[in-house]
Each structure stands twice: as structure tokens, then as C-alpha cells.
C-alpha atoms as a PDB file:
ATOM      1  CA  UNK A   1     -48.607 -47.047 -18.996  1.00  0.00           C
ATOM      2  CA  UNK A   2     -46.295 -47.182 -16.356  1.00  0.00           C
ATOM      3  CA  UNK A   3     -43.203 -46.266 -18.525  1.00  0.00           C
ATOM      4  CA  UNK A   4     -45.328 -43.032 -20.021  1.00  0.00           C
ATOM      5  CA  UNK A   5     -45.780 -42.095 -16.252  1.00  0.00           C
ATOM      6  CA  UNK A   6     -42.106 -42.271 -15.647  1.00  0.00           C
ATOM      7  CA  UNK A   7     -41.180 -40.520 -18.964  1.00  0.00           C
ATOM      8  CA  UNK A   8     -43.137 -37.437 -17.774  1.00  0.00           C
ATOM      9  CA  UNK A   9     -40.760 -36.677 -14.964  1.00  0.00           C
ATOM     10  CA  UNK A  10     -37.696 -37.207 -16.909  1.00  0.00           C
ATOM     11  CA  UNK A  11     -36.320 -34.032 -18.791  1.00  0.00           C
ATOM     12  CA  UNK A  12     -35.451 -34.439 -22.528  1.00  0.00           C
ATOM     13  CA  UNK A  13     -31.833 -33.997 -23.421  1.00  0.00           C
ATOM     14  CA  UNK A  14     -32.678 -30.558 -25.042  1.00  0.00           C
ATOM     15  CA  UNK A  15     -34.148 -28.929 -21.666  1.00  0.00           C
ATOM     16  CA  UNK A  16     -31.131 -30.671 -19.591  1.00  0.00           C
ATOM     17  CA  UNK A  17     -28.420 -29.124 -22.003  1.00  0.00           C
ATOM     18  CA  UNK A  18     -30.365 -25.846 -21.704  1.00  0.00           C
ATOM     19  CA  UNK A  19     -30.252 -26.089 -17.734  1.00  0.00           C
ATOM     20  CA  UNK A  20     -26.671 -26.822 -17.863  1.00  0.00           C
ATOM     21  CA  UNK A  21     -25.721 -23.961 -20.038  1.00  0.00           C
ATOM     22  CA  UNK A  22     -27.774 -21.729 -17.836  1.00  0.00           C
ATOM     23  CA  UNK A  23     -25.981 -22.870 -14.882  1.00  0.00           C
ATOM     24  CA  UNK A  24     -22.380 -22.225 -16.450  1.00  0.00           C
ATOM     25  CA  UNK A  25     -23.424 -18.718 -17.180  1.00  0.00           C
ATOM     26  CA  UNK A  26     -24.522 -18.123 -13.846  1.00  0.00           C
ATOM     27  CA  UNK A  27     -21.327 -19.537 -12.365  1.00  0.00           C
ATOM     28  CA  UNK A  28     -19.198 -17.474 -14.911  1.00  0.00           C
ATOM     29  CA  UNK A  29     -21.203 -14.376 -13.878  1.00  0.00           C
ATOM     30  CA  UNK A  30     -20.558 -15.243 -10.155  1.00  0.00           C
ATOM     31  CA  UNK A  31     -16.593 -15.904 -10.622  1.00  0.00           C
ATOM     32  CA  UNK A  32     -16.164 -12.678 -12.910  1.00  0.00           C
ATOM     33  CA  UNK A  33     -17.913 -10.456 -10.064  1.00  0.00           C
ATOM     34  CA  UNK A  34     -15.844 -11.869  -7.337  1.00  0.00           C
ATOM     35  CA  UNK A  35     -12.827 -11.592  -9.644  1.00  0.00           C
ATOM     36  CA  UNK A  36     -13.484  -7.828 -10.184  1.00  0.00           C
ATOM     37  CA  UNK A  37     -13.770  -7.269  -6.509  1.00  0.00           C
ATOM     38  CA  UNK A  38     -10.681  -8.868  -5.712  1.00  0.00           C
ATOM     39  CA  UNK A  39      -8.847  -6.947  -8.480  1.00  0.00           C
ATOM     40  CA  UNK A  40     -10.318  -3.738  -6.958  1.00  0.00           C
ATOM     41  CA  UNK A  41      -8.736  -4.656  -3.648  1.00  0.00           C
ATOM     42  CA  UNK A  42      -5.549  -5.784  -5.034  1.00  0.00           C
ATOM     43  CA  UNK A  43      -4.753  -3.021  -7.106  1.00  0.00           C
ATOM     44  CA  UNK A  44      -4.383  -0.480  -4.469  1.00  0.00           C
ATOM     45  CA  UNK A  45      -2.869  -2.990  -2.138  1.00  0.00           C
ATOM     46  CA  UNK A  46      -0.061  -3.504  -4.808  1.00  0.00           C
ATOM     47  CA  UNK A  47       0.096   0.196  -5.579  1.00  0.00           C
ATOM     48  CA  UNK A  48       0.928   0.658  -1.792  1.00  0.00           C
ATOM     49  CA  UNK A  49       3.607  -1.975  -1.414  1.00  0.00           C
ATOM     50  CA  UNK A  50       5.285  -2.029  -4.819  1.00  0.00           C
ATOM     51  CA  UNK A  51       7.716   0.940  -3.787  1.00  0.00           C
ATOM     52  CA  UNK A  52       8.629  -0.521  -0.537  1.00  0.00           C
ATOM     53  CA  UNK A  53       9.067  -4.069  -2.097  1.00  0.00           C
ATOM     54  CA  UNK A  54      11.181  -2.622  -4.873  1.00  0.00           C
ATOM     55  CA  UNK A  55      13.227  -0.688  -2.079  1.00  0.00           C
ATOM     56  CA  UNK A  56      13.768  -3.913  -0.092  1.00  0.00           C
ATOM     57  CA  UNK A  57      14.647  -5.731  -3.175  1.00  0.00           C
ATOM     58  CA  UNK A  58      17.400  -3.250  -3.847  1.00  0.00           C
ATOM     59  CA  UNK A  59      19.025  -3.638  -0.243  1.00  0.00           C
ATOM     60  CA  UNK A  60      18.692  -7.422  -0.419  1.00  0.00           C
ATOM     61  CA  UNK A  61      20.312  -7.561  -3.673  1.00  0.00           C
ATOM     62  CA  UNK A  62      23.381  -5.554  -2.163  1.00  0.00           C
ATOM     63  CA  UNK A  63      23.493  -7.986   0.770  1.00  0.00           C
ATOM     64  CA  UNK A  64      23.546 -10.913  -1.345  1.00  0.00           C
ATOM     65  CA  UNK A  65      26.402  -9.592  -3.418  1.00  0.00           C
ATOM     66  CA  UNK A  66      28.198  -8.855  -0.259  1.00  0.00           C
ATOM     67  CA  UNK A  67      27.480 -11.945   1.831  1.00  0.00           C
ATOM     68  CA  UNK A  68      26.314 -14.574  -0.743  1.00  0.00           C
ATOM     69  CA  UNK A  69      23.030 -15.959  -1.709  1.00  0.00           C
ATOM     70  CA  UNK A  70      22.482 -17.913   1.380  1.00  0.00           C
ATOM     71  CA  UNK A  71      21.517 -16.016   4.801  1.00  0.00           C
ATOM     72  CA  UNK A  72      24.686 -15.122   6.535  1.00  0.00           C
ATOM     73  CA  UNK A  73      24.896 -16.712   9.870  1.00  0.00           C
ATOM     74  CA  UNK A  74      23.916 -14.166  12.627  1.00  0.00           C
ATOM     75  CA  UNK A  75      22.801 -11.487  10.200  1.00  0.00           C
ATOM     76  CA  UNK A  76      18.829 -10.842   9.464  1.00  0.00           C
ATOM     77  CA  UNK A  77      17.161  -8.433   7.253  1.00  0.00           C
ATOM     78  CA  UNK A  78      13.593  -7.646   7.553  1.00  0.00           C
ATOM     79  CA  UNK A  79      11.245  -4.700   7.501  1.00  0.00           C
ATOM     80  CA  UNK A  80      14.061  -2.229   6.547  1.00  0.00           C
ATOM     81  CA  UNK A  81      16.401  -3.080   9.086  1.00  0.00           C
ATOM     82  CA  UNK A  82      19.652  -5.133   9.286  1.00  0.00           C
ATOM     83  CA  UNK A  83      20.202  -7.269  12.513  1.00  0.00           C
ATOM     84  CA  UNK A  84      23.603  -8.440  13.463  1.00  0.00           C
ATOM     85  CA  UNK A  85      24.252 -10.480  16.566  1.00  0.00           C
ATOM     86  CA  UNK A  86      26.788  -8.760  18.883  1.00  0.00           C
ATOM     87  CA  UNK A  87      28.898 -11.636  19.057  1.00  0.00           C
ATOM     88  CA  UNK A  88      29.927 -10.688  15.311  1.00  0.00           C
ATOM     89  CA  UNK A  89      31.217  -7.659  16.398  1.00  0.00           C
ATOM     90  CA  UNK A  90      33.745  -7.490  19.123  1.00  0.00           C
ATOM     91  CA  UNK A  91      34.361  -4.373  21.224  1.00  0.00           C
ATOM     92  CA  UNK A  92      35.629  -1.731  18.737  1.00  0.00           C
ATOM     93  CA  UNK A  93      37.461   0.056  21.347  1.00  0.00           C
ATOM     94  CA  UNK A  94      39.893  -3.126  21.356  1.00  0.00           C
ATOM     95  CA  UNK A  95      40.363  -3.048  17.689  1.00  0.00           C
ATOM     96  CA  UNK A  96      43.322  -1.550  16.026  1.00  0.00           C
ATOM     97  CA  UNK A  97      42.619   0.782  13.181  1.00  0.00           C
ATOM     98  CA  UNK A  98      42.219  -1.132   9.937  1.00  0.00           C
ATOM     99  CA  UNK A  99      41.361  -4.255  11.772  1.00  0.00           C
ATOM    100  CA  UNK A 100      37.411  -3.897  11.643  1.00  0.00           C
ATOM    101  CA  UNK A 101      35.458  -7.230  11.850  1.00  0.00           C
ATOM    102  CA  UNK A 102      34.914  -8.514   8.173  1.00  0.00           C
ATOM    103  CA  UNK A 103      30.904  -8.149   8.657  1.00  0.00           C
ATOM    104  CA  UNK A 104      31.297  -4.548   9.231  1.00  0.00           C
ATOM    105  CA  UNK A 105      33.634  -4.130   6.460  1.00  0.00           C
ATOM    106  CA  UNK A 106      30.968  -5.901   4.110  1.00  0.00           C
ATOM    107  CA  UNK A 107      28.201  -3.951   5.496  1.00  0.00           C
ATOM    108  CA  UNK A 108      29.901  -0.553   4.971  1.00  0.00           C
ATOM    109  CA  UNK A 109      30.304  -1.396   1.295  1.00  0.00           C
ATOM    110  CA  UNK A 110      26.528  -2.244   1.154  1.00  0.00           C
ATOM    111  CA  UNK A 111      25.751   1.160   2.716  1.00  0.00           C
ATOM    112  CA  UNK A 112      28.238   2.771   0.426  1.00  0.00           C
ATOM    113  CA  UNK A 113      27.119   1.178  -2.702  1.00  0.00           C
ATOM    114  CA  UNK A 114      23.271   1.886  -1.645  1.00  0.00           C
ATOM    115  CA  UNK A 115      24.016   5.826  -1.024  1.00  0.00           C
ATOM    116  CA  UNK A 116      26.162   6.296  -4.144  1.00  0.00           C
ATOM    117  CA  UNK A 117      22.883   5.156  -6.059  1.00  0.00           C
ATOM    118  CA  UNK A 118      20.755   8.341  -6.280  1.00  0.00           C
ATOM    119  CA  UNK A 119      17.646   6.217  -6.850  1.00  0.00           C
ATOM    120  CA  UNK A 120      18.265   4.166  -3.621  1.00  0.00           C
ATOM    121  CA  UNK A 121      19.535   7.123  -1.552  1.00  0.00           C
ATOM    122  CA  UNK A 122      16.586   9.341  -2.539  1.00  0.00           C
ATOM    123  CA  UNK A 123      14.695   6.727  -0.382  1.00  0.00           C
ATOM    124  CA  UNK A 124      16.958   6.802   2.897  1.00  0.00           C
ATOM    125  CA  UNK A 125      16.406   9.450   5.527  1.00  0.00           C
ATOM    126  CA  UNK A 126      18.466   7.897   7.925  1.00  0.00           C
ATOM    127  CA  UNK A 127      20.723   4.867   8.721  1.00  0.00           C
ATOM    128  CA  UNK A 128      20.503   4.251  12.743  1.00  0.00           C
ATOM    129  CA  UNK A 129      23.021   2.243  14.366  1.00  0.00           C
ATOM    130  CA  UNK A 130      21.061   1.002  17.581  1.00  0.00           C
ATOM    131  CA  UNK A 131      22.074  -1.349  20.834  1.00  0.00           C
ATOM    132  CA  UNK A 132      19.272  -2.224  22.807  1.00  0.00           C
ATOM    133  CA  UNK A 133      19.550  -2.875  26.809  1.00  0.00           C
ATOM    134  CA  UNK A 134      16.734  -4.142  29.244  1.00  0.00           C
ATOM    135  CA  UNK A 135      15.077  -1.558  31.262  1.00  0.00           C
ATOM    136  CA  UNK A 136      15.142  -2.384  34.971  1.00  0.00           C
ATOM    137  CA  UNK A 137      13.412  -0.843  38.113  1.00  0.00           C
ATOM    138  CA  UNK A 138      16.953   0.581  39.131  1.00  0.00           C
ATOM    139  CA  UNK A 139      17.020   4.144  37.839  1.00  0.00           C
ATOM    140  CA  UNK A 140      20.874   4.600  38.366  1.00  0.00           C
ATOM    141  CA  UNK A 141      21.702   1.348  36.738  1.00  0.00           C
ATOM    142  CA  UNK A 142      19.419   1.973  33.455  1.00  0.00           C
ATOM    143  CA  UNK A 143      21.514   5.695  33.201  1.00  0.00           C
ATOM    144  CA  UNK A 144      24.741   3.702  33.279  1.00  0.00           C
ATOM    145  CA  UNK A 145      23.731   1.111  30.676  1.00  0.00           C
ATOM    146  CA  UNK A 146      22.334   3.700  28.602  1.00  0.00           C
ATOM    147  CA  UNK A 147      25.725   5.559  28.939  1.00  0.00           C
ATOM    148  CA  UNK A 148      27.611   2.327  28.175  1.00  0.00           C
ATOM    149  CA  UNK A 149      25.388   1.133  25.202  1.00  0.00           C
ATOM    150  CA  UNK A 150      25.522   4.634  23.481  1.00  0.00           C
ATOM    151  CA  UNK A 151      29.357   4.154  23.414  1.00  0.00           C
ATOM    152  CA  UNK A 152      28.790   0.801  22.182  1.00  0.00           C
ATOM    153  CA  UNK A 153      26.555   2.322  19.289  1.00  0.00           C
ATOM    154  CA  UNK A 154      28.873   5.081  18.457  1.00  0.00           C
ATOM    155  CA  UNK A 155      31.914   2.654  18.662  1.00  0.00           C
ATOM    156  CA  UNK A 156      30.322   0.423  16.038  1.00  0.00           C
ATOM    157  CA  UNK A 157      29.583   3.444  13.686  1.00  0.00           C
ATOM    158  CA  UNK A 158      32.916   4.616  13.748  1.00  0.00           C
ATOM    159  CA  UNK A 159      34.222   1.218  12.590  1.00  0.00           C
ATOM    160  CA  UNK A 160      31.810   1.546  10.068  1.00  0.00           C
ATOM    161  CA  UNK A 161      33.321   4.787   8.844  1.00  0.00           C
ATOM    162  CA  UNK A 162      36.918   3.167   9.459  1.00  0.00           C
ATOM    163  CA  UNK A 163      36.121   0.402   7.143  1.00  0.00           C
ATOM    164  CA  UNK A 164      34.857   2.523   4.416  1.00  0.00           C
ATOM    165  CA  UNK A 165      35.901   6.425   5.166  1.00  0.00           C
ATOM    166  CA  UNK A 166      33.802   7.416   2.066  1.00  0.00           C
ATOM    167  CA  UNK A 167      30.781   6.792   4.134  1.00  0.00           C
ATOM    168  CA  UNK A 168      31.652   9.439   6.754  1.00  0.00           C
ATOM    169  CA  UNK A 169      33.194  12.053   4.160  1.00  0.00           C
ATOM    170  CA  UNK A 170      30.250  11.855   1.712  1.00  0.00           C
ATOM    171  CA  UNK A 171      27.505  10.496   3.516  1.00  0.00           C
ATOM    172  CA  UNK A 172      28.038  11.061   7.378  1.00  0.00           C
ATOM    173  CA  UNK A 173      24.683  13.045   7.606  1.00  0.00           C
ATOM    174  CA  UNK A 174      22.660   9.854   6.968  1.00  0.00           C
ATOM    175  CA  UNK A 175      24.242   8.090  10.132  1.00  0.00           C
ATOM    176  CA  UNK A 176      23.373   8.406  13.610  1.00  0.00           C
ATOM    177  CA  UNK A 177      23.999   5.963  16.782  1.00  0.00           C
ATOM    178  CA  UNK A 178      21.817   5.187  19.718  1.00  0.00           C
ATOM    179  CA  UNK A 179      21.031   3.301  22.667  1.00  0.00           C
ATOM    180  CA  UNK A 180      17.614   2.123  22.759  1.00  0.00           C
ATOM    181  CA  UNK A 181      15.763   0.791  26.473  1.00  0.00           C
ATOM    182  CA  UNK A 182      13.516  -2.384  25.786  1.00  0.00           C
ATOM    183  CA  UNK A 183      11.097  -4.115  28.212  1.00  0.00           C
ATOM    184  CA  UNK A 184      13.344  -6.478  30.149  1.00  0.00           C
ATOM    185  CA  UNK A 185      11.031  -9.682  28.903  1.00  0.00           C
ATOM    186  CA  UNK A 186      12.045  -8.563  25.242  1.00  0.00           C
ATOM    187  CA  UNK A 187      13.822 -11.230  23.356  1.00  0.00           C
ATOM    188  CA  UNK A 188      17.068 -10.861  21.167  1.00  0.00           C
ATOM    189  CA  UNK A 189      18.592  -8.049  22.858  1.00  0.00           C
ATOM    190  CA  UNK A 190      22.072  -9.312  21.532  1.00  0.00           C
ATOM    191  CA  UNK A 191      21.029  -7.931  18.167  1.00  0.00           C
ATOM    192  CA  UNK A 192      22.534  -4.691  16.884  1.00  0.00           C
ATOM    193  CA  UNK A 193      20.093  -3.079  14.516  1.00  0.00           C
ATOM    194  CA  UNK A 194      20.997  -0.871  11.395  1.00  0.00           C
ATOM    195  CA  UNK A 195      17.652   0.484  10.779  1.00  0.00           C
ATOM    196  CA  UNK A 196      17.073   2.186   7.252  1.00  0.00           C
ATOM    197  CA  UNK A 197      14.612   5.022   8.077  1.00  0.00           C
ATOM    198  CA  UNK A 198      12.702   5.634   4.778  1.00  0.00           C
ATOM    199  CA  UNK A 199      12.458   9.306   3.405  1.00  0.00           C
ATOM    200  CA  UNK A 200       9.415  11.254   2.685  1.00  0.00           C
ATOM    201  CA  UNK A 201       9.978  10.397  -0.855  1.00  0.00           C
ATOM    202  CA  UNK A 202       9.143   7.015  -0.519  1.00  0.00           C
ATOM    203  CA  UNK A 203       6.061   7.933   1.359  1.00  0.00           C
ATOM    204  CA  UNK A 204       4.994  10.384  -1.208  1.00  0.00           C
ATOM    205  CA  UNK A 205       5.321   7.620  -4.071  1.00  0.00           C
ATOM    206  CA  UNK A 206       2.956   5.631  -1.924  1.00  0.00           C
ATOM    207  CA  UNK A 207       0.353   8.320  -1.620  1.00  0.00           C
ATOM    208  CA  UNK A 208       0.929   9.282  -5.416  1.00  0.00           C
ATOM    209  CA  UNK A 209       0.128   5.642  -6.416  1.00  0.00           C
ATOM    210  CA  UNK A 210      -2.670   5.292  -3.869  1.00  0.00           C
ATOM    211  CA  UNK A 211      -4.175   8.646  -5.180  1.00  0.00           C
ATOM    212  CA  UNK A 212      -5.676   7.235  -8.563  1.00  0.00           C
ATOM    213  CA  UNK A 213      -7.989   4.816  -6.209  1.00  0.00           C
ATOM    214  CA  UNK A 214      -9.339   7.534  -4.141  1.00  0.00           C
ATOM    215  CA  UNK A 215     -11.868   8.795  -6.564  1.00  0.00           C
END
């Protein structure tokens, strides 16, 4: 009698299997729904990032060819900019013609190769050689530092040209030099930046890819 009472509360194998199958179907539906939502988010995100990623990969590839597979000490590449420690670039005014620092010789070849490639060049609007200096409460000192750092940035650019004359001859309109004031608390003011400013073509490519998801 007691055994029959317990059996009434124990499901038979058939119903148990049915419940398991129903659970699997429900779980699959939930997973599929979430996968579709993730895909709808990822596709436009990849569409936006892919042109910039490809451009960065091209520049990274050129840097590796010149500087090697491992990160070169004192040189960083991030967010479309190449940063070089000032200690690697002695005062160009003290250098004799043809005696430019090795790092500039390598970097000039990177830029020349990039600009010689129509596909890469089409995505470059400007290469800005910039040197930063800390802004102080003394306006006169700021002006003196700005003038001095502007000369420093220009001398680095001229050293690039000296290392690879074809840069100035064929692609001089792609380069500029500037001194930029930064907050005194900013770290890494000892870095010289070679900023690769992307062209409208790269922005248009991003918008074109994104347009198919705007409907």
C-alpha cells in the first residue's frame, strides 16, 4: 500500500524524457535568441572597426619590417600614432648631413613605403610630428618653450627628409611639425609623437559599412 502511494508521486521514464526534451528545446531557443541579439550588435561593430584595424595592421606590418617583430625599445605604436622617446633623437641641429639617428632612418622608410602604396596613402591625411611641453602659469616662459619646441619638431621633420629625400620631394604636403602645450601634470612629455591623421576616405568607408545597418 505504502509502495503504491510513493509510485503515484514518481514520474515514469516516458514523462521524464519528455520534460528533458522540452527543457532542451527551451534552452536552445533562449541561446539562439541571445546569439541573434549578439550578432546584430557585433556585425555593425565589426563593420565600423574593420577599416581602421586593417589600416593599423598595415602600419604595424611596415614597422615590424624595419624594427623587427618584437617591440623596439623606446618606440610605441598606438591609436594611429608612433611615439619615440626623445633620448633616441639627439638635437638634430648638432648632427651633420647624412648622420641622422638610425631610428629616424628606419621611420622615414616606414613613411615612404606607406605613402608609396596608393591604398595606404589614400587613408592618410597628414603625418604630424609633434613635441609637447608642460604649460606653466608664466606666459612668457610658455611662449619661449613653444618657440623652442617648435624648432625642435621642425628639426626632427627635416631629419626625416634628410634620411629619405623622396619624402619631401614626393610627399612633403603630407607632413607638418608642431609644438603642443599639455597640462603640467601630464606624464610622458618626453615622447615625440608622429601622429597619422586619417583621411576622409577612411571615415567614408566606416560610414558606408555602417549604412547597411541603419535601416
